[in-house]
C-alpha atoms as a PDB file:
ATOM      1  CA  MET A   1       0.011   0.063   0.051  1.00  0.00           C
ATOM      2  CA  PHE A   2       1.274   3.515  -0.892  1.00  0.00           C
ATOM      3  CA  SER A   3       1.381   6.069   2.006  1.00  0.00           C
ATOM      4  CA  ILE A   4      -0.838   9.064   1.876  1.00  0.00           C
ATOM      5  CA  ASP A   5       2.073  11.362   0.824  1.00  0.00           C
ATOM      6  CA  VAL A   6       2.922   9.155  -2.103  1.00  0.00           C
ATOM      7  CA  ARG A   7      -0.636   8.969  -3.205  1.00  0.00           C
ATOM      8  CA  PHE A   8      -0.898  12.756  -3.044  1.00  0.00           C
ATOM      9  CA  LEU A   9       2.130  13.141  -5.243  1.00  0.00           C
ATOM     10  CA  ILE A  10       0.815  10.635  -7.690  1.00  0.00           C
ATOM     11  CA  VAL A  11      -2.597  12.641  -7.923  1.00  0.00           C
ATOM     12  CA  VAL A  12      -0.697  15.980  -8.281  1.00  0.00           C
ATOM     13  CA  PHE A  13       1.436  14.452 -11.170  1.00  0.00           C
ATOM     14  CA  LEU A  14      -1.609  12.982 -12.858  1.00  0.00           C
ATOM     15  CA  CYS A  15      -3.449  16.374 -12.620  1.00  0.00           C
ATOM     16  CA  PHE A  16      -0.325  18.155 -13.953  1.00  0.00           C
ATOM     17  CA  LEU A  17      -0.066  15.749 -16.923  1.00  0.00           C
ATOM     18  CA  ALA A  18      -3.843  16.015 -17.732  1.00  0.00           C
ATOM     19  CA  GLY A  19      -3.462  19.891 -17.531  1.00  0.00           C
ATOM     20  CA  ASN A  20      -0.513  19.697 -20.044  1.00  0.00           C
ATOM     21  CA  ILE A  21      -2.385  17.550 -22.225  1.00  0.00           C
ATOM     22  CA  LEU A  22      -5.502  19.831 -22.249  1.00  0.00           C
ATOM     23  CA  LEU A  23      -3.388  22.895 -22.707  1.00  0.00           C
ATOM     24  CA  THR A  24      -1.628  21.343 -25.713  1.00  0.00           C
ATOM     25  CA  PHE A  25      -5.001  20.389 -27.279  1.00  0.00           C
ATOM     26  CA  VAL A  26      -6.356  23.811 -26.637  1.00  0.00           C
ATOM     27  CA  ALA A  27      -3.129  25.441 -28.165  1.00  0.00           C
ATOM     28  CA  ALA A  28      -3.334  23.064 -31.233  1.00  0.00           C
ATOM     29  CA  ARG A  29      -6.999  23.990 -31.814  1.00  0.00           C
ATOM     30  CA  TRP A  30      -6.324  27.699 -31.534  1.00  0.00           C
ATOM     31  CA  ARG A  31      -3.379  27.474 -33.972  1.00  0.00           C
ATOM     32  CA  LYS A  32      -5.526  25.709 -36.440  1.00  0.00           C
ATOM     33  CA  HIS A  33      -8.305  28.262 -35.970  1.00  0.00           C
ATOM     34  CA  THR A  34      -5.771  31.110 -36.492  1.00  0.00           C
ATOM     35  CA  ARG A  35      -4.434  29.482 -39.682  1.00  0.00           C
ATOM     36  CA  GLU A  36      -7.803  29.016 -41.014  1.00  0.00           C
ATOM     37  CA  ARG A  37      -8.918  32.574 -40.243  1.00  0.00           C
ATOM     38  CA  LYS A  38      -5.740  33.984 -41.835  1.00  0.00           C
ATOM     39  CA  LYS A  39      -6.290  31.822 -44.935  1.00  0.00           C
ATOM     40  CA  LYS A  40      -9.840  33.241 -45.397  1.00  0.00           C
ATOM     41  CA  ILE A  41      -8.554  36.741 -45.024  1.00  0.00           C
ATOM     42  CA  GLU A  42      -5.755  36.115 -47.526  1.00  0.00           C
ATOM     43  CA  GLU A  43      -8.127  34.497 -50.113  1.00  0.00           C
ATOM     44  CA  VAL A  44     -10.648  37.275 -49.845  1.00  0.00           C
ATOM     45  CA  PHE A  45      -7.934  39.988 -49.841  1.00  0.00           C
ATOM     46  CA  ALA A  46      -6.353  38.431 -52.990  1.00  0.00           C
ATOM     47  CA  THR A  47      -9.611  38.336 -54.848  1.00  0.00           C
ATOM     48  CA  GLN A  48     -10.660  41.823 -53.893  1.00  0.00           C
ATOM     49  CA  ILE A  49      -7.351  43.303 -54.613  1.00  0.00           C
ATOM     50  CA  SER A  50      -7.233  41.770 -57.938  1.00  0.00           C
ATOM     51  CA  ASN A  51     -10.611  43.086 -58.929  1.00  0.00           C
ATOM     52  CA  TYR A  52      -9.765  46.444 -57.533  1.00  0.00           C
ATOM     53  CA  LEU A  53      -6.431  46.832 -59.412  1.00  0.00           C
ATOM     54  CA  TYR A  54      -7.629  45.157 -62.541  1.00  0.00           C
ATOM     55  CA  PRO A  55     -11.381  45.720 -62.886  1.00  0.00           C
ATOM     56  CA  ILE A  56     -13.253  43.543 -65.375  1.00  0.00           C
ATOM     57  CA  ASN A  57     -14.630  45.185 -68.596  1.00  0.00           C
ATOM     58  CA  GLY A  58     -13.296  48.639 -67.353  1.00  0.00           C
ATOM     59  CA  LEU A  59     -15.726  48.872 -64.322  1.00  0.00           C
ATOM     60  CA  SER A  60     -14.838  51.348 -61.744  1.00  0.00           C
ATOM     61  CA  PRO A  61     -13.400  49.682 -58.534  1.00  0.00           C
ATOM     62  CA  SER A  62     -15.823  49.720 -55.623  1.00  0.00           C
ATOM     63  CA  PHE A  63     -14.457  50.556 -52.055  1.00  0.00           C
ATOM     64  CA  ILE A  64     -17.833  49.355 -50.635  1.00  0.00           C
ATOM     65  CA  GLU A  65     -17.555  45.956 -52.194  1.00  0.00           C
ATOM     66  CA  VAL A  66     -14.020  45.570 -50.713  1.00  0.00           C
ATOM     67  CA  GLN A  67     -15.162  46.607 -47.398  1.00  0.00           C
ATOM     68  CA  ARG A  68     -17.991  44.201 -47.283  1.00  0.00           C
ATOM     69  CA  ALA A  69     -16.037  41.365 -48.478  1.00  0.00           C
ATOM     70  CA  LEU A  70     -13.480  41.862 -45.772  1.00  0.00           C
ATOM     71  CA  ARG A  71     -15.833  42.390 -42.998  1.00  0.00           C
ATOM     72  CA  SER A  72     -17.474  39.016 -43.946  1.00  0.00           C
ATOM     73  CA  VAL A  73     -14.205  37.291 -42.934  1.00  0.00           C
ATOM     74  CA  GLY A  74     -13.964  39.220 -39.662  1.00  0.00           C
ATOM     75  CA  VAL A  75     -11.810  42.342 -40.597  1.00  0.00           C
ATOM     76  CA  ARG A  76     -13.572  44.724 -38.322  1.00  0.00           C
ATOM     77  CA  GLU A  77     -12.361  47.451 -35.890  1.00  0.00           C
ATOM     78  CA  GLU A  78     -13.197  45.438 -32.855  1.00  0.00           C
ATOM     79  CA  LYS A  79     -11.075  42.482 -34.016  1.00  0.00           C
ATOM     80  CA  LYS A  80      -7.561  44.121 -33.857  1.00  0.00           C
ATOM     81  CA  SER A  81      -5.767  40.926 -34.686  1.00  0.00           C
ATOM     82  CA  ASN A  82      -7.596  40.541 -37.978  1.00  0.00           C
ATOM     83  CA  VAL A  83      -7.094  44.293 -38.908  1.00  0.00           C
ATOM     84  CA  GLN A  84      -3.459  43.909 -38.138  1.00  0.00           C
ATOM     85  CA  TYR A  85      -2.996  40.863 -40.335  1.00  0.00           C
ATOM     86  CA  LEU A  86      -4.853  42.838 -43.128  1.00  0.00           C
ATOM     87  CA  ILE A  87      -2.385  45.673 -42.707  1.00  0.00           C
ATOM     88  CA  GLN A  88       0.489  43.267 -42.989  1.00  0.00           C
ATOM     89  CA  LEU A  89      -0.873  41.801 -46.239  1.00  0.00           C
ATOM     90  CA  MET A  90      -1.380  45.397 -47.550  1.00  0.00           C
ATOM     91  CA  ILE A  91       2.172  46.293 -46.803  1.00  0.00           C
ATOM     92  CA  LYS A  92       3.571  43.186 -48.456  1.00  0.00           C
ATOM     93  CA  THR A  93       1.484  43.873 -51.531  1.00  0.00           C
ATOM     94  CA  GLN A  94       2.440  47.548 -51.679  1.00  0.00           C
ATOM     95  CA  ARG A  95       6.167  46.632 -51.708  1.00  0.00           C
ATOM     96  CA  ALA A  96       5.730  44.612 -54.784  1.00  0.00           C
ATOM     97  CA  LEU A  97       3.751  47.240 -56.710  1.00  0.00           C
ATOM     98  CA  GLY A  98       4.791  50.346 -58.606  1.00  0.00           C
ATOM     99  CA  GLY A  99       3.313  53.130 -60.628  1.00  0.00           C
ATOM    100  CA  GLU A 100      -0.577  53.462 -60.835  1.00  0.00           C
ATOM    101  CA  ASN A 101      -1.103  50.336 -58.761  1.00  0.00           C
ATOM    102  CA  HIS A 102       1.057  51.628 -55.990  1.00  0.00           C
ATOM    103  CA  ASP A 103      -1.062  54.806 -55.840  1.00  0.00           C
ATOM    104  CA  LYS A 104      -4.445  52.841 -56.044  1.00  0.00           C
ATOM    105  CA  LEU A 105      -3.377  50.622 -53.122  1.00  0.00           C
ATOM    106  CA  LYS A 106      -2.122  53.646 -51.202  1.00  0.00           C
ATOM    107  CA  LYS A 107      -5.731  55.221 -51.533  1.00  0.00           C
ATOM    108  CA  LEU A 108      -7.445  51.916 -50.691  1.00  0.00           C
ATOM    109  CA  TYR A 109      -5.480  51.709 -47.482  1.00  0.00           C
ATOM    110  CA  GLY A 110      -7.220  54.788 -46.241  1.00  0.00           C
ATOM    111  CA  GLN A 111     -10.809  53.517 -47.226  1.00  0.00           C
ATOM    112  CA  ILE A 112     -11.095  49.978 -46.113  1.00  0.00           C
ATOM    113  CA  PRO A 113     -11.506  48.551 -42.526  1.00  0.00           C
ATOM    114  CA  PRO A 114      -8.102  49.563 -41.108  1.00  0.00           C
ATOM    115  CA  TYR A 115      -9.173  53.250 -41.472  1.00  0.00           C
ATOM    116  CA  ARG A 116      -7.146  55.048 -38.759  1.00  0.00           C
ATOM    117  CA  ALA A 117      -5.753  51.894 -37.290  1.00  0.00           C
ATOM    118  CA  SER A 118      -2.006  52.986 -37.862  1.00  0.00           C
ATOM    119  CA  ILE A 119      -2.373  56.609 -36.756  1.00  0.00           C
ATOM    120  CA  ASP A 120      -4.413  55.632 -33.596  1.00  0.00           C
ATOM    121  CA  LYS A 121      -1.461  53.392 -32.572  1.00  0.00           C
ATOM    122  CA  VAL A 122       0.689  56.485 -32.694  1.00  0.00           C
ATOM    123  CA  LEU A 123      -1.518  58.937 -30.967  1.00  0.00           C
ATOM    124  CA  LYS A 124      -3.480  56.694 -28.499  1.00  0.00           C
ATOM    125  CA  SER A 125      -1.417  53.832 -27.552  1.00  0.00           C
ATOM    126  CA  LYS A 126       0.914  54.180 -24.517  1.00  0.00           C
ATOM    127  CA  SER A 127       3.256  51.422 -25.849  1.00  0.00           C
ATOM    128  CA  ALA A 128       6.325  52.567 -27.541  1.00  0.00           C
ATOM    129  CA  PHE A 129       6.361  49.441 -29.615  1.00  0.00           C
ATOM    130  CA  GLN A 130       2.841  50.126 -30.936  1.00  0.00           C
ATOM    131  CA  LYS A 131       3.684  53.741 -31.614  1.00  0.00           C
ATOM    132  CA  ALA A 132       6.746  52.786 -33.646  1.00  0.00           C
ATOM    133  CA  ARG A 133       4.758  50.010 -35.461  1.00  0.00           C
ATOM    134  CA  GLY A 134       2.103  52.627 -36.449  1.00  0.00           C
ATOM    135  CA  ILE A 135       4.512  55.025 -37.834  1.00  0.00           C
ATOM    136  CA  ARG A 136       6.247  52.330 -39.775  1.00  0.00           C
ATOM    137  CA  GLU A 137       2.915  51.259 -41.271  1.00  0.00           C
ATOM    138  CA  ILE A 138       2.171  54.903 -42.184  1.00  0.00           C
ATOM    139  CA  HIS A 139       5.406  55.448 -44.032  1.00  0.00           C
ATOM    140  CA  GLU A 140       5.438  52.003 -45.708  1.00  0.00           C
ATOM    141  CA  MET A 141       1.917  52.610 -47.071  1.00  0.00           C
ATOM    142  CA  ASP A 142       2.896  56.245 -48.043  1.00  0.00           C
ATOM    143  CA  GLN A 143       0.206  57.978 -46.006  1.00  0.00           C
ATOM    144  CA  GLN A 144       1.575  61.392 -46.162  1.00  0.00           C
ATOM    145  CA  GLN A 145      -1.513  62.975 -44.848  1.00  0.00           C
ATOM    146  CA  TYR A 146      -0.272  62.151 -41.336  1.00  0.00           C
ATOM    147  CA  ILE A 147       3.096  63.919 -41.580  1.00  0.00           C
ATOM    148  CA  LYS A 148       2.214  66.697 -39.171  1.00  0.00           C
ATOM    149  CA  SER A 149       1.054  64.090 -36.453  1.00  0.00           C
ATOM    150  CA  ILE A 150       4.272  62.052 -36.895  1.00  0.00           C
ATOM    151  CA  ALA A 151       6.872  64.996 -37.024  1.00  0.00           C
ATOM    152  CA  PRO A 152       6.786  65.619 -33.157  1.00  0.00           C
ATOM    153  CA  TYR A 153       7.984  62.084 -32.655  1.00  0.00           C
ATOM    154  CA  ARG A 154      11.424  62.601 -34.448  1.00  0.00           C
ATOM    155  CA  ASP A 155      13.032  63.293 -31.134  1.00  0.00           C
ATOM    156  CA  HIS A 156      11.008  60.894 -29.028  1.00  0.00           C
ATOM    157  CA  PRO A 157      12.696  59.345 -25.825  1.00  0.00           C
ATOM    158  CA  ASP A 158      12.269  55.779 -27.269  1.00  0.00           C
ATOM    159  CA  LYS A 159      14.800  55.118 -29.924  1.00  0.00           C
ATOM    160  CA  TYR A 160      12.517  52.741 -31.952  1.00  0.00           C
ATOM    161  CA  VAL A 161       9.850  55.450 -32.046  1.00  0.00           C
ATOM    162  CA  ARG A 162      12.058  58.354 -33.155  1.00  0.00           C
ATOM    163  CA  ARG A 163      13.783  55.960 -35.586  1.00  0.00           C
ATOM    164  CA  GLU A 164      10.570  55.301 -37.520  1.00  0.00           C
ATOM    165  CA  ALA A 165       9.546  59.008 -37.221  1.00  0.00           C
ATOM    166  CA  GLN A 166      12.818  60.107 -38.710  1.00  0.00           C
ATOM    167  CA  ILE A 167      12.639  57.498 -41.537  1.00  0.00           C
ATOM    168  CA  ALA A 168       9.005  58.556 -42.202  1.00  0.00           C
ATOM    169  CA  LEU A 169       9.930  62.250 -42.535  1.00  0.00           C
ATOM    170  CA  VAL A 170      12.798  61.242 -45.003  1.00  0.00           C
ATOM    171  CA  SER A 171      10.316  59.102 -46.945  1.00  0.00           C
ATOM    172  CA  PHE A 172       7.790  61.981 -47.136  1.00  0.00           C
ATOM    173  CA  LEU A 173      10.025  65.102 -47.444  1.00  0.00           C
ATOM    174  CA  GLY A 174      13.221  63.789 -49.038  1.00  0.00           C
ATOM    175  CA  TRP A 175      16.012  66.292 -48.621  1.00  0.00           C
ATOM    176  CA  GLU A 176      13.837  68.756 -46.939  1.00  0.00           C
ATOM    177  CA  SER A 177      13.576  66.430 -43.947  1.00  0.00           C
ATOM    178  CA  LEU A 178      17.184  67.513 -43.040  1.00  0.00           C
ATOM    179  CA  ARG A 179      15.880  70.772 -41.689  1.00  0.00           C
ATOM    180  CA  PHE A 180      14.947  68.951 -38.500  1.00  0.00           C
ATOM    181  CA  LEU A 181      18.581  67.893 -37.716  1.00  0.00           C
ATOM    182  CA  PRO A 182      19.563  71.027 -35.782  1.00  0.00           C
ATOM    183  CA  TYR A 183      16.585  70.475 -33.425  1.00  0.00           C
ATOM    184  CA  LEU A 184      17.393  66.875 -32.486  1.00  0.00           C
ATOM    185  CA  SER A 185      18.724  66.452 -28.981  1.00  0.00           C
ATOM    186  CA  ARG A 186      18.936  62.619 -28.763  1.00  0.00           C
ATOM    187  CA  ASN A 187      21.388  60.298 -30.251  1.00  0.00           C
ATOM    188  CA  ILE A 188      21.194  58.987 -33.964  1.00  0.00           C
ATOM    189  CA  SER A 189      22.607  55.500 -33.935  1.00  0.00           C
ATOM    190  CA  LEU A 190      25.029  54.341 -36.751  1.00  0.00           C
ATOM    191  CA  TRP A 191      22.351  52.041 -37.992  1.00  0.00           C
ATOM    192  CA  GLN A 192      19.852  54.968 -38.204  1.00  0.00           C
ATOM    193  CA  GLN A 193      22.416  56.995 -39.943  1.00  0.00           C
ATOM    194  CA  ILE A 194      22.888  54.410 -42.629  1.00  0.00           C
ATOM    195  CA  LYS A 195      19.098  53.909 -43.026  1.00  0.00           C
ATOM    196  CA  VAL A 196      18.620  57.687 -43.559  1.00  0.00           C
ATOM    197  CA  VAL A 197      21.358  57.797 -46.193  1.00  0.00           C
ATOM    198  CA  GLU A 198      19.811  54.809 -48.046  1.00  0.00           C
ATOM    199  CA  LYS A 199      16.390  56.533 -47.957  1.00  0.00           C
ATOM    200  CA  LEU A 200      17.935  59.628 -49.529  1.00  0.00           C
ATOM    201  CA  ASP A 201      19.805  57.562 -52.136  1.00  0.00           C
ATOM    202  CA  ASP A 202      16.407  55.931 -53.102  1.00  0.00           C
ATOM    203  CA  LEU A 203      15.027  59.330 -54.011  1.00  0.00           C
ATOM    204  CA  ASN A 204      17.120  59.197 -57.115  1.00  0.00           C
ATOM    205  CA  GLU A 205      17.326  63.045 -56.801  1.00  0.00           C
ATOM    206  CA  ALA A 206      20.452  65.309 -56.857  1.00  0.00           C
ATOM    207  CA  PRO A 207      21.370  66.409 -53.254  1.00  0.00           C
ATOM    208  CA  ASN A 208      19.722  69.749 -52.183  1.00  0.00           C
ATOM    209  CA  MET A 209      22.629  71.675 -51.011  1.00  0.00           C
ATOM    210  CA  ASP A 210      20.629  74.325 -49.415  1.00  0.00           C
ATOM    211  CA  TYR A 211      18.904  71.692 -46.995  1.00  0.00           C
ATOM    212  CA  ILE A 212      22.289  70.159 -46.392  1.00  0.00           C
ATOM    213  CA  ARG A 213      24.027  73.425 -45.605  1.00  0.00           C
ATOM    214  CA  ASN A 214      21.342  74.705 -43.457  1.00  0.00           C
ATOM    215  CA  ALA A 215      21.751  71.515 -41.361  1.00  0.00           C
ATOM    216  CA  TYR A 216      25.341  72.312 -40.494  1.00  0.00           C
ATOM    217  CA  SER A 217      24.111  74.242 -37.489  1.00  0.00           C
ATOM    218  CA  ALA A 218      23.357  70.974 -35.885  1.00  0.00           C
ATOM    219  CA  THR A 219      25.375  70.189 -32.690  1.00  0.00           C
ATOM    220  CA  ASN A 220      24.174  66.708 -31.991  1.00  0.00           C
ATOM    221  CA  PRO A 221      27.015  64.312 -32.712  1.00  0.00           C
ATOM    222  CA  GLY A 222      24.726  61.872 -34.454  1.00  0.00           C
ATOM    223  CA  ALA A 223      23.380  64.569 -36.674  1.00  0.00           C
ATOM    224  CA  ILE A 224      26.994  65.745 -37.581  1.00  0.00           C
ATOM    225  CA  ALA A 225      27.973  62.122 -38.415  1.00  0.00           C
ATOM    226  CA  LEU A 226      24.918  61.734 -40.601  1.00  0.00           C
ATOM    227  CA  LEU A 227      25.820  64.812 -42.499  1.00  0.00           C
ATOM    228  CA  LEU A 228      29.278  63.576 -42.948  1.00  0.00           C
ATOM    229  CA  ARG A 229      28.021  60.183 -44.221  1.00  0.00           C
ATOM    230  CA  ILE A 230      25.786  62.056 -46.683  1.00  0.00           C
ATOM    231  CA  ILE A 231      28.858  63.951 -48.030  1.00  0.00           C
ATOM    232  CA  LYS A 232      30.622  60.599 -48.275  1.00  0.00           C
ATOM    233  CA  LYS A 233      27.883  58.881 -50.081  1.00  0.00           C
ATOM    234  CA  PHE A 234      27.076  61.533 -52.623  1.00  0.00           C
ATOM    235  CA  TYR A 235      30.631  62.509 -53.143  1.00  0.00           C
ATOM    236  CA  LEU A 236      30.144  66.122 -52.277  1.00  0.00           C
ATOM    237  CA  TYR A 237      33.656  67.331 -52.631  1.00  0.00           C
ATOM    238  CA  SER A 238      32.550  71.041 -52.400  1.00  0.00           C
ATOM    239  CA  GLU A 239      31.608  70.354 -48.631  1.00  0.00           C
ATOM    240  CA  ILE A 240      35.194  69.377 -47.711  1.00  0.00           C
ATOM    241  CA  GLU A 241      35.524  72.398 -45.377  1.00  0.00           C
ATOM    242  CA  TYR A 242      32.778  70.961 -43.144  1.00  0.00           C
ATOM    243  CA  VAL A 243      34.609  67.668 -43.151  1.00  0.00           C
ATOM    244  CA  PHE A 244      37.754  69.487 -41.956  1.00  0.00           C
ATOM    245  CA  GLU A 245      35.763  71.353 -39.264  1.00  0.00           C
ATOM    246  CA  ASN A 246      34.735  68.099 -37.658  1.00  0.00           C
ATOM    247  CA  LEU A 247      38.022  66.248 -38.122  1.00  0.00           C
ATOM    248  CA  THR A 248      39.034  67.369 -34.632  1.00  0.00           C
ATOM    249  CA  HIS A 249      35.660  67.098 -33.090  1.00  0.00           C
ATOM    250  CA  HIS A 250      35.709  66.044 -29.373  1.00  0.00           C
ATOM    251  CA  GLN A 251      33.620  62.742 -30.034  1.00  0.00           C
ATOM    252  CA  TYR A 252      35.507  59.791 -31.555  1.00  0.00           C
ATOM    253  CA  ASP A 253      32.673  58.621 -33.730  1.00  0.00           C
ATOM    254  CA  VAL A 254      32.224  62.061 -35.256  1.00  0.00           C
ATOM    255  CA  ARG A 255      36.124  62.104 -36.190  1.00  0.00           C
ATOM    256  CA  LYS A 256      35.774  58.651 -37.521  1.00  0.00           C
ATOM    257  CA  ALA A 257      33.023  59.626 -39.859  1.00  0.00           C
ATOM    258  CA  ALA A 258      35.051  62.628 -40.908  1.00  0.00           C
ATOM    259  CA  ILE A 259      38.251  60.594 -41.585  1.00  0.00           C
ATOM    260  CA  TYR A 260      36.295  57.881 -43.713  1.00  0.00           C
ATOM    261  CA  CYS A 261      34.674  60.821 -45.497  1.00  0.00           C
ATOM    262  CA  LEU A 262      38.189  62.182 -46.367  1.00  0.00           C
ATOM    263  CA  LEU A 263      39.444  58.802 -47.445  1.00  0.00           C
ATOM    264  CA  SER A 264      36.382  58.057 -49.572  1.00  0.00           C
ATOM    265  CA  LEU A 265      36.748  61.527 -51.206  1.00  0.00           C
ATOM    266  CA  ASN A 266      40.374  60.522 -52.043  1.00  0.00           C
ATOM    267  CA  VAL A 267      41.665  63.955 -51.715  1.00  0.00           C
ATOM    268  CA  LEU A 268      45.000  64.429 -53.418  1.00  0.00           C
ATOM    269  CA  ASP A 269      44.771  68.337 -53.868  1.00  0.00           C
ATOM    270  CA  HIS A 270      48.078  69.829 -52.509  1.00  0.00           C
ATOM    271  CA  HIS A 271      46.224  72.377 -50.413  1.00  0.00           C
ATOM    272  CA  ILE A 272      43.982  69.789 -48.858  1.00  0.00           C
ATOM    273  CA  LYS A 273      46.960  67.540 -47.951  1.00  0.00           C
ATOM    274  CA  HIS A 274      48.599  70.526 -46.274  1.00  0.00           C
ATOM    275  CA  ARG A 275      45.443  71.186 -44.283  1.00  0.00           C
ATOM    276  CA  LEU A 276      45.202  67.623 -43.296  1.00  0.00           C
ATOM    277  CA  LEU A 277      48.804  67.791 -42.002  1.00  0.00           C
ATOM    278  CA  GLU A 278      47.966  70.902 -39.950  1.00  0.00           C
ATOM    279  CA  SER A 279      44.919  68.971 -38.414  1.00  0.00           C
ATOM    280  CA  ILE A 280      46.643  65.855 -37.496  1.00  0.00           C
ATOM    281  CA  ASP A 281      48.297  67.082 -34.338  1.00  0.00           C
ATOM    282  CA  ARG A 282      44.977  68.341 -32.858  1.00  0.00           C
ATOM    283  CA  ILE A 283      43.298  64.840 -33.321  1.00  0.00           C
ATOM    284  CA  PRO A 284      43.147  63.360 -29.662  1.00  0.00           C
ATOM    285  CA  SER A 285      43.317  59.792 -30.825  1.00  0.00           C
ATOM    286  CA  ASP A 286      46.599  58.146 -31.624  1.00  0.00           C
ATOM    287  CA  ILE A 287      44.814  55.367 -33.660  1.00  0.00           C
ATOM    288  CA  GLN A 288      43.077  58.090 -35.828  1.00  0.00           C
ATOM    289  CA  ARG A 289      46.275  60.223 -36.187  1.00  0.00           C
ATOM    290  CA  SER A 290      48.037  56.969 -37.364  1.00  0.00           C
ATOM    291  CA  GLN A 291      45.315  56.180 -39.821  1.00  0.00           C
ATOM    292  CA  LEU A 292      45.614  59.614 -41.506  1.00  0.00           C
ATOM    293  CA  ILE A 293      49.485  59.507 -41.540  1.00  0.00           C
ATOM    294  CA  LYS A 294      49.349  56.123 -43.375  1.00  0.00           C
ATOM    295  CA  TYR A 295      46.863  57.625 -45.846  1.00  0.00           C
ATOM    296  CA  LEU A 296      49.173  60.706 -46.505  1.00  0.00           C
ATOM    297  CA  ASN A 297      52.099  58.553 -46.898  1.00  0.00           C
ATOM    298  CA  LYS A 298      50.401  56.431 -49.585  1.00  0.00           C
ATOM    299  CA  THR A 299      49.417  59.562 -51.458  1.00  0.00           C
END
């Protein structure tokens, strides 16, 4: 015969095992339900988007028909997970489209069930993650009507929120977005600097020197490093004076960006080499001084 303590342990173990089996069963059922729900949304979305982008016999696309079809599979304001999944589908589709269809999907995004789902995350959610997600959705779907609502978040305390806001401003304003740099008080990470430069390069527009030079009043080290990377990326030899000004900056990363900018510009001009020699002794880092001396010896 088992003692009372042993029987109690056996009962506890069996209850625990039964609970695990039940939870596994419920989880499996929930995953199956989620897959089926998403599949229905995908099928309806694909059909409706196809009809909207490529109407049969020249018929005008109907926002109401698209709305009704999506509502029939649960894409409603109160079902946030379904709305979020639809937003993800629209963003993926938007990335694959160009020209007229890109503009048509952008217009549709503001008309069907998500409505203000993205901007509401920005303005109403207390979660920094949700704010950043909302801003990303807005610039991914090219919803420029919300630019004034997003602009104040460019210097937000949370790095992900301000990162998405800064990318949104570059996406919407292009070179004009640089006018905000002098007003940024928080760090701009290296990753963020690279993303901004890539976005500017995607514009396929010649650099606007007025906006670039107006941004030189920025004192934020991250903003200065970003400007140096822009000079490097677009080979702006005319801005060499700004590079020299920051070659002796008190922050290591700014000096590093200035040095790489000089190396990239491949300056061989006698006057510039002379200026470089004058600046070397004022660079506080032995490693960076050595790097420049090696460069000068090679040239």
